[in-house]
């Protein structure tokens, strides 16, 4: 072996040995590794020093009138309400697109039912063969209003619908997508806890 190569090999061994001493063999992360938390004078919560009072955390913002509605209607729960509103939205939208709104009378106000009925009548036979949601509609509680004995809760829906439309020339059904963003307001008479929530208003929203 030439002396130059042997000399370079010796230098490489020395360099690797020095790196081994400085860095060690261990690399990566183990489950028992615990991050160190710097101690400061402003430490709070579980890292507070003994005898030091933890600073109060800011309260989570709540929707205006939510507590007032719960005080009037002990059965109201915002999480359950949003889920039920989403289910109602899906059922009403699909029934409307099929032209089957007779079964919705008890879930709609007179004004909303009247608008839906006129729209179905004007559409006539020009309706989709099949309508479905591409994904579950995105549902958010938007606003709560209380007026005397009425509670009005507005919910924002973002959805995408898939339509299968008939071909006037008798060909294969055509498919079309439609995205919608709407505010639906559900209303309830608070005089009795058994009164149902009904859809009282539908309006466009920004996507």
Protein backbone atom coordinates (compact mmCIF):
# COMPACT_ATOMS: atom_id res chain seq x y z
CA UNK A 1 0.00 0.00 0.00
CA UNK A 2 1.44 3.45 -0.82
CA UNK A 3 2.52 5.48 2.16
CA UNK A 4 0.20 8.35 1.18
CA UNK A 5 -2.92 6.15 1.45
CA UNK A 6 -1.79 4.69 4.76
CA UNK A 7 -1.20 8.17 6.15
CA UNK A 8 -4.69 9.33 5.10
CA UNK A 9 -6.25 6.22 6.65
CA UNK A 10 -4.56 6.96 9.98
CA UNK A 11 -5.83 10.54 9.92
CA UNK A 12 -9.40 9.27 9.25
CA UNK A 13 -9.20 6.88 12.23
CA UNK A 14 -8.05 9.68 14.54
CA UNK A 15 -10.83 12.02 13.37
CA UNK A 16 -13.54 9.37 13.84
CA UNK A 17 -12.21 8.55 17.32
CA UNK A 18 -12.40 12.21 18.33
CA UNK A 19 -15.99 12.50 17.01
CA UNK A 20 -16.94 9.37 18.97
CA UNK A 21 -15.61 10.92 22.19
CA UNK A 22 -17.43 14.21 21.61
CA UNK A 23 -20.81 12.98 20.29
CA UNK A 24 -21.07 9.49 21.74
CA UNK A 25 -22.88 6.62 20.08
CA UNK A 26 -26.46 7.53 20.96
CA UNK A 27 -28.63 9.06 18.28
CA UNK A 28 -32.39 9.44 17.82
CA UNK A 29 -35.16 9.75 20.42
CA UNK A 30 -36.29 7.35 23.14
CA UNK A 31 -39.61 7.18 24.91
CA UNK A 32 -38.07 7.90 28.31
CA UNK A 33 -36.46 11.14 27.13
CA UNK A 34 -37.96 14.10 28.96
CA UNK A 35 -37.65 17.67 27.74
CA UNK A 36 -36.18 20.08 30.22
CA UNK A 37 -38.34 23.06 31.10
CA UNK A 38 -36.49 26.26 31.91
CA UNK A 39 -37.41 27.74 35.27
CA UNK A 40 -38.32 31.39 35.23
CA UNK A 41 -39.87 33.82 37.66
CA UNK A 42 -43.07 33.79 35.58
CA UNK A 43 -43.53 30.02 35.61
CA UNK A 44 -47.17 28.95 35.82
CA UNK A 45 -49.32 25.85 36.19
CA UNK A 46 -47.54 22.54 36.87
CA UNK A 47 -44.18 24.28 36.60
CA UNK A 48 -44.86 26.82 39.34
CA UNK A 49 -42.35 27.05 42.11
CA UNK A 50 -43.54 26.01 45.61
CA UNK A 51 -45.43 28.81 47.29
CA UNK A 52 -45.95 30.71 44.06
CA UNK A 53 -49.56 31.35 43.06
CA UNK A 54 -50.47 30.41 39.52
CA UNK A 55 -51.75 33.24 37.40
CA UNK A 56 -55.43 32.86 36.45
CA UNK A 57 -55.95 31.69 32.88
CA UNK A 58 -58.32 33.69 30.66
CA UNK A 59 -61.78 32.16 30.42
CA UNK A 60 -62.75 30.57 27.15
CA UNK A 61 -64.94 32.87 25.10
CA UNK A 62 -68.56 31.77 24.98
CA UNK A 63 -71.17 32.62 22.40
CA UNK A 64 -73.40 35.52 23.46
CA UNK A 65 -76.79 34.40 24.83
CA UNK A 66 -75.69 30.76 25.16
CA UNK A 67 -75.91 30.77 28.95
CA UNK A 68 -79.19 32.68 28.82
CA UNK A 69 -80.66 30.08 26.46
CA UNK A 70 -79.51 27.24 28.71
CA UNK A 71 -81.13 28.99 31.66
CA UNK A 72 -84.44 29.11 29.77
CA UNK A 73 -84.12 25.64 28.22
CA UNK A 74 -82.32 23.16 30.46
CA UNK A 75 -82.37 20.55 27.68
CA UNK A 76 -80.30 22.68 25.30
CA UNK A 77 -76.80 21.42 24.58
CA UNK A 78 -74.83 23.16 21.85
CA UNK A 79 -72.93 20.05 20.75
CA UNK A 80 -76.08 17.96 20.40
CA UNK A 81 -77.90 20.84 18.76
CA UNK A 82 -75.27 21.22 16.02
CA UNK A 83 -75.38 17.48 15.31
CA UNK A 84 -79.19 17.45 15.13
CA UNK A 85 -79.16 20.57 12.95
CA UNK A 86 -76.78 18.87 10.53
CA UNK A 87 -79.05 15.82 10.33
CA UNK A 88 -82.09 18.04 9.73
CA UNK A 89 -80.20 19.98 7.06
CA UNK A 90 -79.29 16.82 5.16
CA UNK A 91 -82.83 15.39 5.34
CA UNK A 92 -84.54 18.64 4.32
CA UNK A 93 -82.14 19.35 1.44
CA UNK A 94 -82.51 15.84 0.01
CA UNK A 95 -86.30 15.88 0.39
CA UNK A 96 -86.53 19.29 -1.27
CA UNK A 97 -84.42 18.20 -4.23
CA UNK A 98 -86.60 15.11 -4.66
CA UNK A 99 -89.72 17.25 -4.48
CA UNK A 100 -90.92 15.43 -1.37
CA UNK A 101 -91.70 18.25 1.02
CA UNK A 102 -95.09 17.12 2.32
CA UNK A 103 -93.41 15.27 5.16
CA UNK A 104 -91.51 18.42 6.20
CA UNK A 105 -94.48 20.50 7.31
CA UNK A 106 -93.91 19.91 11.02
CA UNK A 107 -90.23 20.86 10.71
CA UNK A 108 -90.65 24.11 8.77
CA UNK A 109 -92.30 27.41 9.55
CA UNK A 110 -95.28 28.32 7.36
CA UNK A 111 -93.25 30.90 5.44
CA UNK A 112 -90.34 28.55 4.72
CA UNK A 113 -92.68 25.74 3.72
CA UNK A 114 -94.50 28.11 1.35
CA UNK A 115 -91.25 29.12 -0.34
CA UNK A 116 -90.15 25.50 -0.70
CA UNK A 117 -93.54 24.44 -2.09
CA UNK A 118 -93.51 27.20 -4.73
CA UNK A 119 -89.95 26.29 -5.76
CA UNK A 120 -90.88 22.62 -6.16
CA UNK A 121 -93.97 23.53 -8.17
CA UNK A 122 -92.02 25.86 -10.46
CA UNK A 123 -89.42 23.20 -11.07
CA UNK A 124 -92.01 20.70 -12.24
CA UNK A 125 -90.57 17.49 -13.59
CA UNK A 126 -87.11 18.98 -14.01
CA UNK A 127 -85.57 17.39 -10.95
CA UNK A 128 -82.53 15.28 -10.29
CA UNK A 129 -82.76 11.50 -10.41
CA UNK A 130 -80.43 11.22 -7.45
CA UNK A 131 -78.93 13.75 -5.04
CA UNK A 132 -76.25 13.01 -2.47
CA UNK A 133 -73.75 14.82 -0.28
CA UNK A 134 -70.12 14.40 -1.31
CA UNK A 135 -69.03 14.77 2.34
CA UNK A 136 -70.74 15.51 5.61
CA UNK A 137 -71.74 19.20 5.64
CA UNK A 138 -69.52 21.47 7.71
CA UNK A 139 -71.74 22.80 10.49
CA UNK A 140 -71.04 25.72 12.84
CA UNK A 141 -73.12 27.47 15.45
CA UNK A 142 -73.20 31.10 14.32
CA UNK A 143 -75.60 33.14 16.42
CA UNK A 144 -78.14 32.89 19.24
CA UNK A 145 -80.97 35.38 19.75
CA UNK A 146 -83.65 35.53 22.42
CA UNK A 147 -86.81 37.58 21.92
CA UNK A 148 -89.40 37.26 24.66
CA UNK A 149 -90.41 33.59 24.57
CA UNK A 150 -88.64 32.77 21.30
CA UNK A 151 -85.16 31.41 20.83
CA UNK A 152 -83.52 31.68 17.41
CA UNK A 153 -80.30 29.81 16.68
CA UNK A 154 -78.52 30.44 13.39
CA UNK A 155 -76.31 27.70 11.99
CA UNK A 156 -73.87 27.98 9.09
CA UNK A 157 -73.66 25.09 6.64
CA UNK A 158 -71.03 24.47 3.98
CA UNK A 159 -71.76 21.52 1.72
CA UNK A 160 -71.14 19.98 -1.68
CA UNK A 161 -73.90 18.11 -3.49
CA UNK A 162 -73.67 15.63 -6.33
CA UNK A 163 -76.59 15.66 -8.76
CA UNK A 164 -77.49 13.07 -11.37
CA UNK A 165 -79.64 14.87 -13.92
CA UNK A 166 -81.87 13.42 -16.58
CA UNK A 167 -80.88 13.96 -20.21
CA UNK A 168 -83.73 15.58 -22.19
CA UNK A 169 -82.61 13.62 -25.25
CA UNK A 170 -82.81 10.31 -23.44
CA UNK A 171 -79.09 9.77 -23.04
CA UNK A 172 -77.12 8.80 -19.95
CA UNK A 173 -77.78 10.87 -16.82
CA UNK A 174 -75.41 13.78 -16.39
CA UNK A 175 -73.58 14.46 -13.16
CA UNK A 176 -73.03 17.89 -11.67
CA UNK A 177 -71.51 19.25 -8.46
CA UNK A 178 -72.82 22.21 -6.52
CA UNK A 179 -71.29 23.88 -3.50
CA UNK A 180 -73.49 25.82 -1.13
CA UNK A 181 -72.98 28.10 1.84
CA UNK A 182 -76.12 28.96 3.80
CA UNK A 183 -77.38 30.24 7.13
CA UNK A 184 -80.31 28.31 8.54
CA UNK A 185 -82.15 29.76 11.51
CA UNK A 186 -83.98 27.35 13.80
CA UNK A 187 -86.64 28.72 16.10
CA UNK A 188 -88.27 27.43 19.27
CA UNK A 189 -91.04 28.63 21.57
CA UNK A 190 -89.57 28.51 25.08
CA UNK A 191 -92.92 28.43 26.90
CA UNK A 192 -92.68 24.64 26.92
CA UNK A 193 -89.49 22.52 26.88
CA UNK A 194 -91.26 19.99 24.64
CA UNK A 195 -91.80 22.48 21.82
CA UNK A 196 -89.78 21.46 18.74
CA UNK A 197 -87.16 23.45 16.86
CA UNK A 198 -88.40 24.44 13.41
CA UNK A 199 -86.60 25.97 10.44
CA UNK A 200 -87.76 29.59 10.22
CA UNK A 201 -85.31 31.19 7.78
CA UNK A 202 -82.83 30.28 5.04
CA UNK A 203 -80.33 32.80 3.66
CA UNK A 204 -77.12 32.76 1.68
CA UNK A 205 -73.76 32.85 3.47
CA UNK A 206 -70.22 33.48 2.36
CA UNK A 207 -68.22 30.34 1.62
